């Protein structure tokens, strides 16, 4: 009988990231130990080495083909890990079963009471989008293992399952001074939603609140790009972390002022409408760049989308 040794190698980043967890057999008995390496920025909303301090792993002995009709059954493994990179701790021992398929699901321990196993289908995780300034990143992992891996190692890839939103602006005329005081995304889904694990990236239910307005926390000192005339409005409080959803024809309101030589040329709010195919997908990093005219002309928007879960990074146990 071989004990499961869990060594976690986490790689989480804002642009291009994943997180690896390893379950390793060493000889006849392999104790569960955990270590992580988290890649990413230090923004408050994003999971990284400094704030990734606890997670839970549930393991089930079940055939993939049976999950849709009968669920995953009773947990074979249910372990909480606390600590941090190189110092993960848990209690008790777990052994690999022989010749049985195992399904592993991992998620933040703070959401342990939100994890459910329905009678049919994959497990679910209920999650509530926090208030602006208190929103956090959310990462989960799922791995199907048909037999004990060669060398006893199993990699579980943690992925970001929310959508990260940021804003920048580009002045039509840089000779004027622009002051952006408010940006609000209007009427999108929010509140509490249910994430369902799956064979691929899983999926979200609709939010419990159908029309929520989210005001973006704007930096009072926008940062100009080194090779363009675009100003990033990011703040140290973090990005908006919102539910993946269709945002077709949703609107964004921007309040700003333009000045030059002591004269004010515009000081009001304008609204831009997103396209009919616009959507926020799981694990995407979206930056909206608003092109702001000096006066009453129409605001335009450009969208840049990056995959947060794009580039895995490996690491070694410590």
C-alpha atoms as a PDB file:
ATOM      1  CA  UNK A   1       0.000   0.000   0.000  1.00  0.00           C
ATOM      2  CA  UNK A   2       1.484   3.313  -1.018  1.00  0.00           C
ATOM      3  CA  UNK A   3       0.835   6.517   0.831  1.00  0.00           C
ATOM      4  CA  UNK A   4       0.029   9.617  -1.198  1.00  0.00           C
ATOM      5  CA  UNK A   5       2.687  12.303  -1.037  1.00  0.00           C
ATOM      6  CA  UNK A   6       1.428  15.663  -2.116  1.00  0.00           C
ATOM      7  CA  UNK A   7       4.047  18.185  -3.135  1.00  0.00           C
ATOM      8  CA  UNK A   8       2.549  21.319  -4.565  1.00  0.00           C
ATOM      9  CA  UNK A   9       4.254  23.326  -7.260  1.00  0.00           C
ATOM     10  CA  UNK A  10       2.095  26.369  -7.823  1.00  0.00           C
ATOM     11  CA  UNK A  11       2.508  28.735 -10.747  1.00  0.00           C
ATOM     12  CA  UNK A  12      -0.079  31.492 -10.660  1.00  0.00           C
ATOM     13  CA  UNK A  13       0.249  34.723 -12.605  1.00  0.00           C
ATOM     14  CA  UNK A  14      -1.870  37.517 -13.964  1.00  0.00           C
ATOM     15  CA  UNK A  15      -0.790  37.078 -17.557  1.00  0.00           C
ATOM     16  CA  UNK A  16       0.062  33.494 -18.428  1.00  0.00           C
ATOM     17  CA  UNK A  17      -0.058  31.276 -15.383  1.00  0.00           C
ATOM     18  CA  UNK A  18      -1.083  27.975 -13.927  1.00  0.00           C
ATOM     19  CA  UNK A  19      -0.460  26.122 -10.720  1.00  0.00           C
ATOM     20  CA  UNK A  20       0.874  22.618 -10.354  1.00  0.00           C
ATOM     21  CA  UNK A  21       0.292  20.296  -7.426  1.00  0.00           C
ATOM     22  CA  UNK A  22       2.135  16.975  -7.300  1.00  0.00           C
ATOM     23  CA  UNK A  23       1.133  13.758  -5.546  1.00  0.00           C
ATOM     24  CA  UNK A  24       4.158  11.533  -5.270  1.00  0.00           C
ATOM     25  CA  UNK A  25       4.873   7.955  -4.156  1.00  0.00           C
ATOM     26  CA  UNK A  26       8.273   7.385  -2.640  1.00  0.00           C
ATOM     27  CA  UNK A  27       8.962   3.696  -2.016  1.00  0.00           C
ATOM     28  CA  UNK A  28       6.223   1.793  -0.217  1.00  0.00           C
ATOM     29  CA  UNK A  29       5.135   4.750   1.895  1.00  0.00           C
ATOM     30  CA  UNK A  30       5.026   8.332   0.748  1.00  0.00           C
ATOM     31  CA  UNK A  31       3.923  10.953   3.204  1.00  0.00           C
ATOM     32  CA  UNK A  32       1.820  13.924   2.121  1.00  0.00           C
ATOM     33  CA  UNK A  33       3.961  17.058   2.008  1.00  0.00           C
ATOM     34  CA  UNK A  34       3.262  20.281   0.174  1.00  0.00           C
ATOM     35  CA  UNK A  35       5.338  23.089  -1.259  1.00  0.00           C
ATOM     36  CA  UNK A  36       4.341  25.827  -3.669  1.00  0.00           C
ATOM     37  CA  UNK A  37       5.905  28.317  -6.029  1.00  0.00           C
ATOM     38  CA  UNK A  38       3.569  31.072  -7.120  1.00  0.00           C
ATOM     39  CA  UNK A  39       4.396  33.261 -10.088  1.00  0.00           C
ATOM     40  CA  UNK A  40       2.641  36.590 -10.527  1.00  0.00           C
ATOM     41  CA  UNK A  41       2.274  40.190  -9.487  1.00  0.00           C
ATOM     42  CA  UNK A  42       1.718  41.385  -5.925  1.00  0.00           C
ATOM     43  CA  UNK A  43      -1.631  42.996  -6.657  1.00  0.00           C
ATOM     44  CA  UNK A  44      -4.116  42.438  -3.829  1.00  0.00           C
ATOM     45  CA  UNK A  45      -6.682  40.680  -6.017  1.00  0.00           C
ATOM     46  CA  UNK A  46      -4.310  38.098  -7.435  1.00  0.00           C
ATOM     47  CA  UNK A  47      -3.264  34.774  -5.922  1.00  0.00           C
ATOM     48  CA  UNK A  48       0.509  34.701  -5.467  1.00  0.00           C
ATOM     49  CA  UNK A  49       3.223  33.438  -3.102  1.00  0.00           C
ATOM     50  CA  UNK A  50       2.300  35.982  -0.436  1.00  0.00           C
ATOM     51  CA  UNK A  51      -1.401  35.224  -0.131  1.00  0.00           C
ATOM     52  CA  UNK A  52      -1.730  31.579  -1.200  1.00  0.00           C
ATOM     53  CA  UNK A  53      -1.839  30.099   2.304  1.00  0.00           C
ATOM     54  CA  UNK A  54      -4.534  27.418   2.390  1.00  0.00           C
ATOM     55  CA  UNK A  55      -6.302  24.984   0.108  1.00  0.00           C
ATOM     56  CA  UNK A  56      -8.312  21.765   0.288  1.00  0.00           C
ATOM     57  CA  UNK A  57      -8.001  18.628  -1.841  1.00  0.00           C
ATOM     58  CA  UNK A  58     -10.858  16.145  -2.267  1.00  0.00           C
ATOM     59  CA  UNK A  59     -10.213  12.813  -3.976  1.00  0.00           C
ATOM     60  CA  UNK A  60     -12.765  10.246  -5.203  1.00  0.00           C
ATOM     61  CA  UNK A  61     -12.498   6.707  -6.569  1.00  0.00           C
ATOM     62  CA  UNK A  62     -14.896   6.837  -9.514  1.00  0.00           C
ATOM     63  CA  UNK A  63     -14.903   6.170 -13.226  1.00  0.00           C
ATOM     64  CA  UNK A  64     -15.258   9.262 -15.391  1.00  0.00           C
ATOM     65  CA  UNK A  65     -18.086   7.631 -17.339  1.00  0.00           C
ATOM     66  CA  UNK A  66     -20.136   7.244 -14.149  1.00  0.00           C
ATOM     67  CA  UNK A  67     -19.961  10.860 -12.981  1.00  0.00           C
ATOM     68  CA  UNK A  68     -22.689  12.273 -15.223  1.00  0.00           C
ATOM     69  CA  UNK A  69     -25.261   9.802 -13.931  1.00  0.00           C
ATOM     70  CA  UNK A  70     -24.096   9.053 -10.392  1.00  0.00           C
ATOM     71  CA  UNK A  71     -21.814  11.876  -9.295  1.00  0.00           C
ATOM     72  CA  UNK A  72     -18.428  11.258  -7.675  1.00  0.00           C
ATOM     73  CA  UNK A  73     -19.664   9.439  -4.578  1.00  0.00           C
ATOM     74  CA  UNK A  74     -18.063   9.540  -1.138  1.00  0.00           C
ATOM     75  CA  UNK A  75     -14.720  11.278  -0.693  1.00  0.00           C
ATOM     76  CA  UNK A  76     -11.719   8.942  -0.512  1.00  0.00           C
ATOM     77  CA  UNK A  77      -9.482  11.868   0.403  1.00  0.00           C
ATOM     78  CA  UNK A  78     -10.421  15.177   2.038  1.00  0.00           C
ATOM     79  CA  UNK A  79      -7.407  17.129   3.240  1.00  0.00           C
ATOM     80  CA  UNK A  80      -6.775  20.739   4.227  1.00  0.00           C
ATOM     81  CA  UNK A  81      -3.332  22.266   3.707  1.00  0.00           C
ATOM     82  CA  UNK A  82      -2.045  25.372   5.439  1.00  0.00           C
ATOM     83  CA  UNK A  83       1.224  27.256   5.413  1.00  0.00           C
ATOM     84  CA  UNK A  84       2.900  28.555   2.304  1.00  0.00           C
ATOM     85  CA  UNK A  85       5.577  27.878  -0.242  1.00  0.00           C
ATOM     86  CA  UNK A  86       7.922  25.197   1.087  1.00  0.00           C
ATOM     87  CA  UNK A  87       6.007  24.757   4.346  1.00  0.00           C
ATOM     88  CA  UNK A  88       2.620  23.157   3.626  1.00  0.00           C
ATOM     89  CA  UNK A  89       1.194  21.070   6.473  1.00  0.00           C
ATOM     90  CA  UNK A  90      -1.734  18.702   6.943  1.00  0.00           C
ATOM     91  CA  UNK A  91      -2.767  15.900   9.297  1.00  0.00           C
ATOM     92  CA  UNK A  92      -3.128  12.160   8.766  1.00  0.00           C
ATOM     93  CA  UNK A  93      -2.042   9.876   5.935  1.00  0.00           C
ATOM     94  CA  UNK A  94      -3.725   8.853   2.686  1.00  0.00           C
ATOM     95  CA  UNK A  95      -2.747   5.856   0.522  1.00  0.00           C
ATOM     96  CA  UNK A  96      -3.081   5.306  -3.194  1.00  0.00           C
ATOM     97  CA  UNK A  97      -5.761   2.724  -4.101  1.00  0.00           C
ATOM     98  CA  UNK A  98      -4.685   0.097  -6.612  1.00  0.00           C
ATOM     99  CA  UNK A  99      -6.267  -0.160 -10.075  1.00  0.00           C
ATOM    100  CA  UNK A 100      -8.928   2.460  -9.457  1.00  0.00           C
ATOM    101  CA  UNK A 101      -9.563   5.732 -11.262  1.00  0.00           C
ATOM    102  CA  UNK A 102      -9.295   8.772  -9.019  1.00  0.00           C
ATOM    103  CA  UNK A 103     -10.731  12.249  -9.463  1.00  0.00           C
ATOM    104  CA  UNK A 104      -9.060  15.074  -7.530  1.00  0.00           C
ATOM    105  CA  UNK A 105     -10.576  18.505  -6.908  1.00  0.00           C
ATOM    106  CA  UNK A 106      -8.776  21.342  -5.122  1.00  0.00           C
ATOM    107  CA  UNK A 107      -9.984  24.788  -4.109  1.00  0.00           C
ATOM    108  CA  UNK A 108      -9.395  27.469  -1.412  1.00  0.00           C
ATOM    109  CA  UNK A 109     -10.074  26.162   2.089  1.00  0.00           C
ATOM    110  CA  UNK A 110     -12.056  29.330   2.799  1.00  0.00           C
ATOM    111  CA  UNK A 111     -14.667  27.936   0.414  1.00  0.00           C
ATOM    112  CA  UNK A 112     -14.805  24.465   1.943  1.00  0.00           C
ATOM    113  CA  UNK A 113     -18.445  24.838   2.985  1.00  0.00           C
ATOM    114  CA  UNK A 114     -19.282  25.978  -0.558  1.00  0.00           C
ATOM    115  CA  UNK A 115     -18.019  22.764  -2.185  1.00  0.00           C
ATOM    116  CA  UNK A 116     -20.784  20.271  -3.026  1.00  0.00           C
ATOM    117  CA  UNK A 117     -21.074  16.863  -4.658  1.00  0.00           C
ATOM    118  CA  UNK A 118     -24.477  16.461  -6.352  1.00  0.00           C
ATOM    119  CA  UNK A 119     -26.079  13.054  -6.899  1.00  0.00           C
ATOM    120  CA  UNK A 120     -25.359  13.405 -10.605  1.00  0.00           C
ATOM    121  CA  UNK A 121     -22.602  15.314 -12.331  1.00  0.00           C
ATOM    122  CA  UNK A 122     -19.349  16.924 -11.278  1.00  0.00           C
ATOM    123  CA  UNK A 123     -18.784  18.725  -7.957  1.00  0.00           C
ATOM    124  CA  UNK A 124     -19.727  22.388  -7.670  1.00  0.00           C
ATOM    125  CA  UNK A 125     -18.351  25.424  -5.868  1.00  0.00           C
ATOM    126  CA  UNK A 126     -20.565  28.330  -4.828  1.00  0.00           C
ATOM    127  CA  UNK A 127     -18.858  31.726  -4.929  1.00  0.00           C
ATOM    128  CA  UNK A 128     -19.938  35.299  -4.196  1.00  0.00           C
ATOM    129  CA  UNK A 129     -18.326  38.233  -5.990  1.00  0.00           C
ATOM    130  CA  UNK A 130     -17.100  40.668  -3.355  1.00  0.00           C
ATOM    131  CA  UNK A 131     -17.529  44.411  -3.207  1.00  0.00           C
ATOM    132  CA  UNK A 132     -15.159  46.499  -5.306  1.00  0.00           C
ATOM    133  CA  UNK A 133     -11.866  46.765  -3.435  1.00  0.00           C
ATOM    134  CA  UNK A 134     -12.483  43.459  -1.655  1.00  0.00           C
ATOM    135  CA  UNK A 135     -12.639  41.144  -4.657  1.00  0.00           C
ATOM    136  CA  UNK A 136     -10.147  38.290  -4.778  1.00  0.00           C
ATOM    137  CA  UNK A 137      -8.754  35.895  -7.315  1.00  0.00           C
ATOM    138  CA  UNK A 138     -10.197  32.373  -7.409  1.00  0.00           C
ATOM    139  CA  UNK A 139      -8.223  29.307  -8.467  1.00  0.00           C
ATOM    140  CA  UNK A 140      -9.231  25.637  -8.575  1.00  0.00           C
ATOM    141  CA  UNK A 141      -7.764  22.374  -9.832  1.00  0.00           C
ATOM    142  CA  UNK A 142      -9.146  19.112 -11.215  1.00  0.00           C
ATOM    143  CA  UNK A 143      -7.259  15.983 -12.281  1.00  0.00           C
ATOM    144  CA  UNK A 144      -8.395  12.543 -13.415  1.00  0.00           C
ATOM    145  CA  UNK A 145      -5.951   9.685 -12.700  1.00  0.00           C
ATOM    146  CA  UNK A 146      -6.584   6.220 -14.151  1.00  0.00           C
ATOM    147  CA  UNK A 147      -3.780   4.541 -12.187  1.00  0.00           C
ATOM    148  CA  UNK A 148      -0.893   5.420  -9.913  1.00  0.00           C
ATOM    149  CA  UNK A 149       1.401   7.544 -12.119  1.00  0.00           C
ATOM    150  CA  UNK A 150       4.914   6.395 -12.997  1.00  0.00           C
ATOM    151  CA  UNK A 151       7.176   7.538 -10.214  1.00  0.00           C
ATOM    152  CA  UNK A 152       4.150   8.231  -8.075  1.00  0.00           C
ATOM    153  CA  UNK A 153       3.693  11.808  -9.243  1.00  0.00           C
ATOM    154  CA  UNK A 154       0.452  13.499 -10.178  1.00  0.00           C
ATOM    155  CA  UNK A 155       0.291  17.091 -11.340  1.00  0.00           C
ATOM    156  CA  UNK A 156      -2.849  19.080 -10.609  1.00  0.00           C
ATOM    157  CA  UNK A 157      -3.045  22.350 -12.502  1.00  0.00           C
ATOM    158  CA  UNK A 158      -4.705  25.193 -10.626  1.00  0.00           C
ATOM    159  CA  UNK A 159      -6.379  27.704 -12.911  1.00  0.00           C
ATOM    160  CA  UNK A 160      -8.008  31.092 -12.542  1.00  0.00           C
ATOM    161  CA  UNK A 161     -11.759  30.826 -13.103  1.00  0.00           C
ATOM    162  CA  UNK A 162     -12.905  34.450 -12.893  1.00  0.00           C
ATOM    163  CA  UNK A 163     -12.436  37.251 -15.434  1.00  0.00           C
ATOM    164  CA  UNK A 164     -10.011  40.053 -14.608  1.00  0.00           C
ATOM    165  CA  UNK A 165     -10.949  43.543 -15.827  1.00  0.00           C
ATOM    166  CA  UNK A 166      -8.758  46.651 -16.094  1.00  0.00           C
ATOM    167  CA  UNK A 167      -9.008  49.998 -17.851  1.00  0.00           C
ATOM    168  CA  UNK A 168      -6.723  52.423 -19.647  1.00  0.00           C
ATOM    169  CA  UNK A 169      -7.448  55.579 -21.585  1.00  0.00           C
ATOM    170  CA  UNK A 170      -5.933  57.276 -24.603  1.00  0.00           C
ATOM    171  CA  UNK A 171      -6.375  61.049 -25.021  1.00  0.00           C
ATOM    172  CA  UNK A 172      -7.330  62.170 -28.512  1.00  0.00           C
ATOM    173  CA  UNK A 173      -5.285  65.347 -27.970  1.00  0.00           C
ATOM    174  CA  UNK A 174      -2.340  64.965 -25.541  1.00  0.00           C
ATOM    175  CA  UNK A 175      -1.981  68.759 -25.394  1.00  0.00           C
ATOM    176  CA  UNK A 176      -4.956  68.808 -23.035  1.00  0.00           C
ATOM    177  CA  UNK A 177      -4.977  67.622 -19.435  1.00  0.00           C
ATOM    178  CA  UNK A 178      -7.354  64.716 -18.867  1.00  0.00           C
ATOM    179  CA  UNK A 179      -8.727  63.717 -15.470  1.00  0.00           C
ATOM    180  CA  UNK A 180     -10.739  60.497 -15.312  1.00  0.00           C
ATOM    181  CA  UNK A 181     -12.833  60.399 -12.135  1.00  0.00           C
ATOM    182  CA  UNK A 182     -15.149  57.427 -12.642  1.00  0.00           C
ATOM    183  CA  UNK A 183     -15.568  54.338 -14.796  1.00  0.00           C
ATOM    184  CA  UNK A 184     -18.571  52.082 -14.230  1.00  0.00           C
ATOM    185  CA  UNK A 185     -19.523  48.823 -15.923  1.00  0.00           C
ATOM    186  CA  UNK A 186     -23.307  48.836 -16.024  1.00  0.00           C
ATOM    187  CA  UNK A 187     -25.870  46.074 -15.611  1.00  0.00           C
ATOM    188  CA  UNK A 188     -23.768  42.911 -15.605  1.00  0.00           C
ATOM    189  CA  UNK A 189     -24.295  39.695 -13.637  1.00  0.00           C
ATOM    190  CA  UNK A 190     -22.974  39.587 -10.092  1.00  0.00           C
ATOM    191  CA  UNK A 191     -23.793  38.277  -6.649  1.00  0.00           C
ATOM    192  CA  UNK A 192     -23.441  34.538  -6.047  1.00  0.00           C
ATOM    193  CA  UNK A 193     -22.928  31.954  -8.776  1.00  0.00           C
ATOM    194  CA  UNK A 194     -22.077  28.260  -8.982  1.00  0.00           C
ATOM    195  CA  UNK A 195     -18.977  26.918 -10.687  1.00  0.00           C
ATOM    196  CA  UNK A 196     -19.205  23.313 -11.916  1.00  0.00           C
ATOM    197  CA  UNK A 197     -15.991  21.355 -12.371  1.00  0.00           C
ATOM    198  CA  UNK A 198     -15.693  19.427 -15.620  1.00  0.00           C
ATOM    199  CA  UNK A 199     -13.386  17.471 -17.890  1.00  0.00           C
ATOM    200  CA  UNK A 200     -12.133  20.743 -19.369  1.00  0.00           C
ATOM    201  CA  UNK A 201     -12.402  24.224 -17.885  1.00  0.00           C
ATOM    202  CA  UNK A 202     -15.782  23.784 -16.205  1.00  0.00           C
ATOM    203  CA  UNK A 203     -18.479  26.436 -16.300  1.00  0.00           C
ATOM    204  CA  UNK A 204     -20.431  29.043 -14.345  1.00  0.00           C
ATOM    205  CA  UNK A 205     -24.131  29.451 -13.692  1.00  0.00           C
ATOM    206  CA  UNK A 206     -25.764  32.865 -14.008  1.00  0.00           C
ATOM    207  CA  UNK A 207     -25.178  35.243 -11.118  1.00  0.00           C
ATOM    208  CA  UNK A 208     -27.892  35.663  -8.486  1.00  0.00           C
ATOM    209  CA  UNK A 209     -28.054  39.379  -9.347  1.00  0.00           C
ATOM    210  CA  UNK A 210     -28.848  40.060 -12.984  1.00  0.00           C
ATOM    211  CA  UNK A 211     -27.917  43.738 -13.250  1.00  0.00           C
ATOM    212  CA  UNK A 212     -25.061  44.976 -11.077  1.00  0.00           C
ATOM    213  CA  UNK A 213     -23.026  48.147 -11.640  1.00  0.00           C
ATOM    214  CA  UNK A 214     -19.314  47.864 -10.840  1.00  0.00           C
ATOM    215  CA  UNK A 215     -17.236  51.028 -10.412  1.00  0.00           C
ATOM    216  CA  UNK A 216     -13.592  50.553 -11.313  1.00  0.00           C
ATOM    217  CA  UNK A 217     -11.102  51.809  -8.670  1.00  0.00           C
ATOM    218  CA  UNK A 218      -9.237  54.520 -10.592  1.00  0.00           C
ATOM    219  CA  UNK A 219      -5.653  55.558  -9.979  1.00  0.00           C
ATOM    220  CA  UNK A 220      -5.169  59.262  -9.260  1.00  0.00           C
ATOM    221  CA  UNK A 221      -1.790  59.008 -10.979  1.00  0.00           C
ATOM    222  CA  UNK A 222      -2.310  57.119 -14.264  1.00  0.00           C
ATOM    223  CA  UNK A 223       0.817  55.508 -15.713  1.00  0.00           C
ATOM    224  CA  UNK A 224       1.690  56.391 -19.299  1.00  0.00           C
ATOM    225  CA  UNK A 225       2.902  53.592 -21.539  1.00  0.00           C
ATOM    226  CA  UNK A 226       6.585  53.711 -22.446  1.00  0.00           C
ATOM    227  CA  UNK A 227       5.964  53.412 -26.174  1.00  0.00           C
ATOM    228  CA  UNK A 228       2.468  54.845 -26.647  1.00  0.00           C
ATOM    229  CA  UNK A 229       0.091  57.518 -25.410  1.00  0.00           C
ATOM    230  CA  UNK A 230      -2.067  55.160 -23.367  1.00  0.00           C
ATOM    231  CA  UNK A 231      -2.492  55.686 -19.615  1.00  0.00           C
ATOM    232  CA  UNK A 232      -3.165  52.707 -17.324  1.00  0.00           C
ATOM    233  CA  UNK A 233      -5.704  53.456 -14.599  1.00  0.00           C
ATOM    234  CA  UNK A 234      -4.867  50.447 -12.390  1.00  0.00           C
ATOM    235  CA  UNK A 235      -4.730  50.946  -8.626  1.00  0.00           C
ATOM    236  CA  UNK A 236      -2.939  49.012  -5.900  1.00  0.00           C
ATOM    237  CA  UNK A 237      -6.329  47.751  -4.643  1.00  0.00           C
ATOM    238  CA  UNK A 238      -6.469  45.300  -7.512  1.00  0.00           C
ATOM    239  CA  UNK A 239      -8.449  44.703 -10.651  1.00  0.00           C
ATOM    240  CA  UNK A 240     -12.119  43.917 -10.934  1.00  0.00           C
ATOM    241  CA  UNK A 241     -12.555  40.143 -10.569  1.00  0.00           C
ATOM    242  CA  UNK A 242     -15.966  39.328 -12.032  1.00  0.00           C
ATOM    243  CA  UNK A 243     -18.115  36.415 -13.175  1.00  0.00           C
ATOM    244  CA  UNK A 244     -17.454  35.077 -16.682  1.00  0.00           C
ATOM    245  CA  UNK A 245     -20.529  35.890 -18.775  1.00  0.00           C
ATOM    246  CA  UNK A 246     -21.867  37.416 -21.959  1.00  0.00           C
ATOM    247  CA  UNK A 247     -21.561  41.203 -21.891  1.00  0.00           C
ATOM    248  CA  UNK A 248     -23.101  41.729 -25.311  1.00  0.00           C
ATOM    249  CA  UNK A 249     -24.320  45.327 -25.710  1.00  0.00           C
ATOM    250  CA  UNK A 250     -23.514  46.165 -22.080  1.00  0.00           C
ATOM    251  CA  UNK A 251     -22.417  49.746 -21.409  1.00  0.00           C
ATOM    252  CA  UNK A 252     -19.447  51.394 -19.743  1.00  0.00           C
ATOM    253  CA  UNK A 253     -19.814  54.913 -18.338  1.00  0.00           C
ATOM    254  CA  UNK A 254     -16.760  57.155 -18.057  1.00  0.00           C
ATOM    255  CA  UNK A 255     -16.666  60.497 -16.272  1.00  0.00           C
ATOM    256  CA  UNK A 256     -13.769  62.769 -17.154  1.00  0.00           C
ATOM    257  CA  UNK A 257     -12.613  66.350 -17.548  1.00  0.00           C
ATOM    258  CA  UNK A 258     -10.393  68.037 -20.137  1.00  0.00           C
ATOM    259  CA  UNK A 259      -8.496  71.255 -19.457  1.00  0.00           C
ATOM    260  CA  UNK A 260      -5.974  73.544 -21.125  1.00  0.00           C
ATOM    261  CA  UNK A 261      -4.546  76.935 -20.185  1.00  0.00           C
ATOM    262  CA  UNK A 262      -7.017  77.336 -17.335  1.00  0.00           C
ATOM    263  CA  UNK A 263     -10.073  76.522 -19.445  1.00  0.00           C
ATOM    264  CA  UNK A 264     -12.349  73.481 -19.082  1.00  0.00           C
ATOM    265  CA  UNK A 265     -13.568  71.969 -22.337  1.00  0.00           C
ATOM    266  CA  UNK A 266     -15.443  68.931 -21.069  1.00  0.00           C
ATOM    267  CA  UNK A 267     -16.560  67.818 -17.607  1.00  0.00           C
ATOM    268  CA  UNK A 268     -19.254  65.172 -17.788  1.00  0.00           C
ATOM    269  CA  UNK A 269     -20.072  61.475 -18.297  1.00  0.00           C
ATOM    270  CA  UNK A 270     -20.132  59.553 -21.569  1.00  0.00           C
ATOM    271  CA  UNK A 271     -21.255  56.003 -22.288  1.00  0.00           C
ATOM    272  CA  UNK A 272     -19.752  53.448 -24.637  1.00  0.00           C
ATOM    273  CA  UNK A 273     -21.559  50.264 -25.691  1.00  0.00           C
ATOM    274  CA  UNK A 274     -19.774  46.929 -26.029  1.00  0.00           C
ATOM    275  CA  UNK A 275     -20.212  44.802 -29.144  1.00  0.00           C
ATOM    276  CA  UNK A 276     -22.992  42.302 -29.718  1.00  0.00           C
ATOM    277  CA  UNK A 277     -20.566  39.388 -29.332  1.00  0.00           C
ATOM    278  CA  UNK A 278     -18.669  40.723 -26.312  1.00  0.00           C
ATOM    279  CA  UNK A 279     -18.094  38.201 -23.528  1.00  0.00           C
ATOM    280  CA  UNK A 280     -15.954  37.570 -20.471  1.00  0.00           C
ATOM    281  CA  UNK A 281     -14.493  34.075 -20.525  1.00  0.00           C
ATOM    282  CA  UNK A 282     -13.020  31.952 -17.754  1.00  0.00           C
ATOM    283  CA  UNK A 283      -9.421  32.838 -16.952  1.00  0.00           C
ATOM    284  CA  UNK A 284      -9.226  35.851 -19.261  1.00  0.00           C
ATOM    285  CA  UNK A 285      -7.422  39.110 -18.509  1.00  0.00           C
ATOM    286  CA  UNK A 286      -9.305  41.912 -20.267  1.00  0.00           C
ATOM    287  CA  UNK A 287      -8.119  45.489 -20.619  1.00  0.00           C
ATOM    288  CA  UNK A 288     -10.437  48.081 -22.076  1.00  0.00           C
ATOM    289  CA  UNK A 289      -8.731  51.133 -23.569  1.00  0.00           C
ATOM    290  CA  UNK A 290     -11.090  54.101 -23.835  1.00  0.00           C
ATOM    291  CA  UNK A 291     -10.219  56.733 -26.440  1.00  0.00           C
ATOM    292  CA  UNK A 292     -11.351  60.054 -24.963  1.00  0.00           C
ATOM    293  CA  UNK A 293     -11.989  63.123 -27.130  1.00  0.00           C
ATOM    294  CA  UNK A 294     -11.462  66.668 -25.879  1.00  0.00           C
ATOM    295  CA  UNK A 295     -15.098  67.718 -26.165  1.00  0.00           C
ATOM    296  CA  UNK A 296     -18.497  66.177 -26.733  1.00  0.00           C
ATOM    297  CA  UNK A 297     -17.428  63.697 -29.399  1.00  0.00           C
ATOM    298  CA  UNK A 298     -18.138  59.981 -29.001  1.00  0.00           C
ATOM    299  CA  UNK A 299     -15.896  57.767 -26.854  1.00  0.00           C
ATOM    300  CA  UNK A 300     -14.567  54.615 -28.524  1.00  0.00           C
ATOM    301  CA  UNK A 301     -13.257  51.449 -26.888  1.00  0.00           C
ATOM    302  CA  UNK A 302     -10.602  48.899 -27.804  1.00  0.00           C
ATOM    303  CA  UNK A 303     -10.294  45.517 -26.094  1.00  0.00           C
ATOM    304  CA  UNK A 304      -7.186  43.476 -25.341  1.00  0.00           C
ATOM    305  CA  UNK A 305      -7.719  39.923 -24.079  1.00  0.00           C
ATOM    306  CA  UNK A 306      -5.012  37.679 -22.624  1.00  0.00           C
ATOM    307  CA  UNK A 307      -5.266  34.166 -21.226  1.00  0.00           C
ATOM    308  CA  UNK A 308      -4.384  34.144 -17.523  1.00  0.00           C
ATOM    309  CA  UNK A 309      -3.972  30.351 -17.555  1.00  0.00           C
ATOM    310  CA  UNK A 310      -1.751  30.276 -20.621  1.00  0.00           C
ATOM    311  CA  UNK A 311       1.783  29.359 -19.558  1.00  0.00           C
ATOM    312  CA  UNK A 312       2.427  26.696 -16.892  1.00  0.00           C
ATOM    313  CA  UNK A 313       5.568  26.967 -14.833  1.00  0.00           C
ATOM    314  CA  UNK A 314       7.099  23.942 -13.197  1.00  0.00           C
ATOM    315  CA  UNK A 315       8.924  23.894  -9.894  1.00  0.00           C
ATOM    316  CA  UNK A 316      10.578  21.502  -7.495  1.00  0.00           C
ATOM    317  CA  UNK A 317       9.507  20.345  -4.073  1.00  0.00           C
ATOM    318  CA  UNK A 318      11.302  21.835  -1.132  1.00  0.00           C
END
